Amino acid sequence: MFTCNLFTGEEEISFFLVLVTGCTSVGKINDSEIFRINATQLVPLQDGQDEEIIAEVCKLLNSGTFYFSVCPGDQQPIDLTLCSQRRYEGCEPDNRFFW
């Protein structure tokens, strides 16, 4: 579950709660399990949201190109926005790859 802010025009902003309703495990890195998102549901957080925009965002999120990681217990899941070298160096997440 995460929130999504969409800029749909010059000043118009749409806010959504994104629920991941379907995912597939694609492997493990250390103790973190990696999942591919294949189904989502968008819940508008404001009235009057454009249904066409909601459908297009769902289509993009359900395309199979978005991933997330989960780690059991209190451990921190692997940050998929960092390459191994940057993760080893203790770098911050790379916002170019963060949604």
N, C-alpha and C. Protein backbone atom coordinates (compact mmCIF):
# COMPACT_ATOMS: atom_id res chain seq x y z
N MET A 1 0.85 -1.16 0.00
CA MET A 1 0.00 0.00 0.00
C MET A 1 0.90 1.23 0.00
N PHE A 2 0.61 2.17 -0.86
CA PHE A 2 1.35 3.43 -0.90
C PHE A 2 0.45 4.50 -1.48
N THR A 3 0.86 5.75 -1.36
CA THR A 3 0.07 6.83 -1.93
C THR A 3 0.72 7.29 -3.23
N CYS A 4 -0.09 7.86 -4.09
CA CYS A 4 0.37 8.31 -5.39
C CYS A 4 -0.21 9.70 -5.64
N ASN A 5 0.65 10.64 -6.00
CA ASN A 5 0.22 11.99 -6.37
C ASN A 5 0.43 12.15 -7.86
N LEU A 6 -0.61 12.48 -8.60
CA LEU A 6 -0.52 12.64 -10.04
C LEU A 6 -0.76 14.08 -10.43
N PHE A 7 0.14 14.61 -11.24
CA PHE A 7 -0.04 15.95 -11.80
C PHE A 7 -0.66 15.75 -13.18
N THR A 8 -1.94 16.10 -13.30
CA THR A 8 -2.67 15.80 -14.53
C THR A 8 -2.86 17.01 -15.43
N GLY A 9 -2.34 18.10 -15.06
CA GLY A 9 -2.46 19.32 -15.85
C GLY A 9 -1.45 20.30 -15.31
N GLU A 10 -1.65 21.56 -15.57
CA GLU A 10 -0.69 22.55 -15.11
C GLU A 10 -0.68 22.68 -13.60
N GLU A 11 -1.85 22.66 -12.95
CA GLU A 11 -1.88 22.80 -11.50
C GLU A 11 -2.75 21.76 -10.82
N GLU A 12 -3.39 20.91 -11.58
CA GLU A 12 -4.29 19.92 -11.02
C GLU A 12 -3.49 18.74 -10.45
N ILE A 13 -3.80 18.35 -9.23
CA ILE A 13 -3.13 17.22 -8.59
C ILE A 13 -4.20 16.23 -8.14
N SER A 14 -3.97 14.96 -8.41
CA SER A 14 -4.87 13.91 -7.98
C SER A 14 -4.15 13.05 -6.95
N PHE A 15 -4.83 12.70 -5.87
CA PHE A 15 -4.25 11.88 -4.82
C PHE A 15 -4.96 10.54 -4.76
N PHE A 16 -4.17 9.46 -4.68
CA PHE A 16 -4.72 8.11 -4.64
C PHE A 16 -4.01 7.29 -3.59
N LEU A 17 -4.72 6.34 -3.03
CA LEU A 17 -4.13 5.28 -2.23
C LEU A 17 -4.03 4.09 -3.16
N VAL A 18 -2.82 3.53 -3.30
CA VAL A 18 -2.60 2.41 -4.22
C VAL A 18 -2.48 1.14 -3.39
N LEU A 19 -3.38 0.19 -3.64
CA LEU A 19 -3.36 -1.09 -2.96
C LEU A 19 -2.83 -2.15 -3.92
N VAL A 20 -1.80 -2.86 -3.53
CA VAL A 20 -1.29 -3.97 -4.34
C VAL A 20 -2.16 -5.18 -4.02
N THR A 21 -2.94 -5.62 -5.00
CA THR A 21 -3.87 -6.73 -4.79
C THR A 21 -3.37 -8.03 -5.41
N GLY A 22 -2.30 -7.97 -6.18
CA GLY A 22 -1.73 -9.17 -6.77
C GLY A 22 -0.25 -8.99 -7.03
N CYS A 23 0.53 -9.99 -6.65
CA CYS A 23 1.97 -9.94 -6.89
C CYS A 23 2.50 -11.37 -7.02
N THR A 24 3.68 -11.48 -7.62
CA THR A 24 4.31 -12.77 -7.84
C THR A 24 5.74 -12.71 -7.31
N SER A 25 6.13 -13.70 -6.54
CA SER A 25 7.51 -13.76 -6.05
C SER A 25 8.43 -14.10 -7.23
N VAL A 26 9.48 -13.31 -7.38
CA VAL A 26 10.42 -13.52 -8.48
C VAL A 26 11.80 -13.92 -7.99
N GLY A 27 12.00 -13.98 -6.68
CA GLY A 27 13.30 -14.41 -6.16
C GLY A 27 13.61 -13.80 -4.82
N LYS A 28 14.82 -14.08 -4.36
CA LYS A 28 15.29 -13.57 -3.08
C LYS A 28 16.68 -12.98 -3.24
N ILE A 29 16.93 -11.91 -2.50
CA ILE A 29 18.27 -11.35 -2.38
C ILE A 29 18.54 -11.28 -0.88
N ASN A 30 19.51 -12.07 -0.44
CA ASN A 30 19.76 -12.25 0.99
C ASN A 30 18.47 -12.72 1.66
N ASP A 31 17.98 -12.03 2.68
CA ASP A 31 16.74 -12.42 3.35
C ASP A 31 15.50 -11.74 2.77
N SER A 32 15.68 -10.85 1.81
CA SER A 32 14.56 -10.11 1.24
C SER A 32 13.96 -10.87 0.06
N GLU A 33 12.64 -11.02 0.08
CA GLU A 33 11.94 -11.62 -1.04
C GLU A 33 11.48 -10.51 -1.97
N ILE A 34 11.68 -10.71 -3.27
CA ILE A 34 11.36 -9.71 -4.29
C ILE A 34 10.06 -10.13 -4.98
N PHE A 35 9.13 -9.18 -5.10
CA PHE A 35 7.84 -9.43 -5.73
C PHE A 35 7.63 -8.51 -6.91
N ARG A 36 6.99 -9.03 -7.96
CA ARG A 36 6.57 -8.23 -9.11
C ARG A 36 5.09 -7.89 -8.91
N ILE A 37 4.75 -6.62 -9.06
CA ILE A 37 3.35 -6.19 -8.94
C ILE A 37 2.63 -6.52 -10.24
N ASN A 38 1.48 -7.23 -10.13
CA ASN A 38 0.71 -7.52 -11.34
C ASN A 38 -0.76 -7.16 -11.21
N ALA A 39 -1.18 -6.66 -10.05
CA ALA A 39 -2.56 -6.18 -9.90
C ALA A 39 -2.61 -5.13 -8.80
N THR A 40 -3.30 -4.04 -9.07
CA THR A 40 -3.45 -2.96 -8.10
C THR A 40 -4.87 -2.44 -8.11
N GLN A 41 -5.20 -1.72 -7.08
CA GLN A 41 -6.48 -1.01 -7.01
C GLN A 41 -6.19 0.40 -6.53
N LEU A 42 -6.69 1.40 -7.23
CA LEU A 42 -6.50 2.79 -6.83
C LEU A 42 -7.75 3.28 -6.13
N VAL A 43 -7.57 3.87 -4.97
CA VAL A 43 -8.66 4.44 -4.20
C VAL A 43 -8.48 5.96 -4.21
N PRO A 44 -9.38 6.70 -4.87
CA PRO A 44 -9.26 8.16 -4.89
C PRO A 44 -9.39 8.74 -3.49
N LEU A 45 -8.53 9.69 -3.14
CA LEU A 45 -8.59 10.36 -1.85
C LEU A 45 -9.29 11.71 -1.93
N GLN A 46 -9.84 12.02 -3.10
CA GLN A 46 -10.61 13.25 -3.32
C GLN A 46 -11.81 12.91 -4.18
N ASP A 47 -12.84 13.70 -4.08
CA ASP A 47 -14.00 13.51 -4.94
C ASP A 47 -13.71 14.04 -6.34
N GLY A 48 -14.43 13.51 -7.31
CA GLY A 48 -14.35 14.02 -8.67
C GLY A 48 -13.10 13.63 -9.43
N GLN A 49 -12.54 12.47 -9.16
CA GLN A 49 -11.35 12.03 -9.88
C GLN A 49 -11.73 11.50 -11.26
N ASP A 50 -10.88 11.74 -12.23
CA ASP A 50 -11.10 11.32 -13.61
C ASP A 50 -10.89 9.81 -13.73
N GLU A 51 -11.95 9.09 -14.10
CA GLU A 51 -11.88 7.63 -14.23
C GLU A 51 -10.88 7.19 -15.30
N GLU A 52 -10.70 8.00 -16.33
CA GLU A 52 -9.75 7.67 -17.38
C GLU A 52 -8.32 7.68 -16.84
N ILE A 53 -8.02 8.65 -16.00
CA ILE A 53 -6.68 8.73 -15.39
C ILE A 53 -6.46 7.52 -14.48
N ILE A 54 -7.46 7.17 -13.69
CA ILE A 54 -7.35 6.01 -12.80
C ILE A 54 -7.08 4.75 -13.62
N ALA A 55 -7.78 4.57 -14.71
CA ALA A 55 -7.59 3.39 -15.55
C ALA A 55 -6.19 3.34 -16.15
N GLU A 56 -5.68 4.50 -16.59
CA GLU A 56 -4.34 4.55 -17.20
C GLU A 56 -3.25 4.25 -16.17
N VAL A 57 -3.40 4.79 -14.96
CA VAL A 57 -2.41 4.53 -13.91
C VAL A 57 -2.43 3.06 -13.52
N CYS A 58 -3.62 2.48 -13.40
CA CYS A 58 -3.73 1.04 -13.10
C CYS A 58 -3.06 0.21 -14.19
N LYS A 59 -3.28 0.58 -15.44
CA LYS A 59 -2.67 -0.13 -16.55
C LYS A 59 -1.14 -0.09 -16.45
N LEU A 60 -0.60 1.05 -16.11
CA LEU A 60 0.86 1.19 -15.96
C LEU A 60 1.37 0.36 -14.78
N LEU A 61 0.71 0.48 -13.62
CA LEU A 61 1.17 -0.25 -12.44
C LEU A 61 1.01 -1.76 -12.60
N ASN A 62 0.04 -2.21 -13.37
CA ASN A 62 -0.21 -3.64 -13.56
C ASN A 62 0.58 -4.23 -14.72
N SER A 63 1.47 -3.45 -15.32
CA SER A 63 2.19 -3.89 -16.52
C SER A 63 3.29 -4.91 -16.23
N GLY A 64 3.59 -5.15 -14.96
CA GLY A 64 4.63 -6.12 -14.62
C GLY A 64 6.03 -5.54 -14.56
N THR A 65 6.14 -4.21 -14.52
CA THR A 65 7.46 -3.57 -14.49
C THR A 65 7.78 -2.93 -13.14
N PHE A 66 6.91 -3.13 -12.14
CA PHE A 66 7.12 -2.56 -10.82
C PHE A 66 7.35 -3.69 -9.81
N TYR A 67 8.30 -3.46 -8.91
CA TYR A 67 8.71 -4.47 -7.95
C TYR A 67 8.78 -3.88 -6.55
N PHE A 68 8.71 -4.74 -5.53
CA PHE A 68 8.95 -4.33 -4.16
C PHE A 68 9.58 -5.50 -3.42
N SER A 69 10.19 -5.20 -2.26
CA SER A 69 10.84 -6.24 -1.47
C SER A 69 10.22 -6.29 -0.08
N VAL A 70 10.26 -7.49 0.50
CA VAL A 70 9.74 -7.74 1.84
C VAL A 70 10.77 -8.57 2.58
N CYS A 71 10.96 -8.25 3.86
CA CYS A 71 11.91 -8.98 4.67
C CYS A 71 11.21 -9.39 5.97
N PRO A 72 11.43 -10.63 6.43
CA PRO A 72 10.74 -11.09 7.63
C PRO A 72 11.24 -10.40 8.90
N GLY A 73 10.35 -10.32 9.88
CA GLY A 73 10.74 -9.78 11.18
C GLY A 73 11.07 -8.31 11.17
N ASP A 74 12.05 -7.94 11.99
CA ASP A 74 12.44 -6.54 12.16
C ASP A 74 13.50 -6.08 11.16
N GLN A 75 13.93 -6.96 10.27
CA GLN A 75 14.99 -6.61 9.33
C GLN A 75 14.49 -5.62 8.28
N GLN A 76 15.39 -4.80 7.82
CA GLN A 76 15.09 -3.82 6.78
C GLN A 76 15.10 -4.51 5.42
N PRO A 77 14.03 -4.40 4.60
CA PRO A 77 14.04 -5.02 3.27
C PRO A 77 15.07 -4.34 2.37
N ILE A 78 15.53 -5.07 1.38
CA ILE A 78 16.52 -4.54 0.45
C ILE A 78 15.92 -3.37 -0.32
N ASP A 79 16.72 -2.34 -0.53
CA ASP A 79 16.28 -1.16 -1.28
C ASP A 79 16.53 -1.42 -2.76
N LEU A 80 15.47 -1.62 -3.52
CA LEU A 80 15.60 -1.95 -4.94
C LEU A 80 16.01 -0.76 -5.80
N THR A 81 16.07 0.44 -5.21
CA THR A 81 16.47 1.61 -5.99
C THR A 81 17.99 1.77 -6.05
N LEU A 82 18.72 0.94 -5.31
CA LEU A 82 20.18 1.04 -5.28
C LEU A 82 20.84 -0.18 -5.92
N CYS A 83 21.94 0.05 -6.62
CA CYS A 83 22.73 -1.07 -7.12
C CYS A 83 23.52 -1.64 -5.93
N SER A 84 24.10 -2.81 -6.09
CA SER A 84 24.83 -3.47 -4.99
C SER A 84 25.98 -2.61 -4.47
N GLN A 85 26.70 -1.97 -5.37
CA GLN A 85 27.84 -1.15 -4.96
C GLN A 85 27.39 0.01 -4.09
N ARG A 86 26.35 0.73 -4.48
CA ARG A 86 25.87 1.87 -3.69
C ARG A 86 25.28 1.40 -2.37
N ARG A 87 24.61 0.24 -2.37
CA ARG A 87 24.04 -0.30 -1.13
C ARG A 87 25.16 -0.65 -0.15
N TYR A 88 26.26 -1.23 -0.65
CA TYR A 88 27.41 -1.59 0.18
C TYR A 88 28.06 -0.33 0.78
N GLU A 89 28.10 0.74 -0.01
CA GLU A 89 28.71 2.00 0.44
C GLU A 89 27.81 2.77 1.40
N GLY A 90 26.58 2.30 1.62
CA GLY A 90 25.67 2.97 2.55
C GLY A 90 25.02 4.21 1.97
N CYS A 91 24.87 4.27 0.66
CA CYS A 91 24.28 5.44 0.01
C CYS A 91 22.78 5.51 0.27
N GLU A 92 22.23 6.69 0.07
CA GLU A 92 20.80 6.93 0.19
C GLU A 92 20.10 6.41 -1.05
N PRO A 93 18.78 6.19 -0.97
CA PRO A 93 18.03 5.72 -2.15
C PRO A 93 18.19 6.67 -3.33
N ASP A 94 18.18 6.09 -4.51
CA ASP A 94 18.30 6.86 -5.75
C ASP A 94 16.91 7.25 -6.20
N ASN A 95 16.55 8.51 -6.05
CA ASN A 95 15.19 8.99 -6.35
C ASN A 95 14.81 8.87 -7.81
N ARG A 96 15.79 8.66 -8.70
CA ARG A 96 15.45 8.46 -10.12
C ARG A 96 14.67 7.17 -10.31
N PHE A 97 14.82 6.22 -9.40
CA PHE A 97 14.18 4.91 -9.54
C PHE A 97 13.18 4.63 -8.44
N PHE A 98 12.74 5.67 -7.76
CA PHE A 98 11.84 5.50 -6.62
C PHE A 98 10.48 6.04 -6.99
N TRP A 99 9.43 5.23 -6.78
CA TRP A 99 8.07 5.66 -7.09
C TRP A 99 7.28 5.72 -5.83
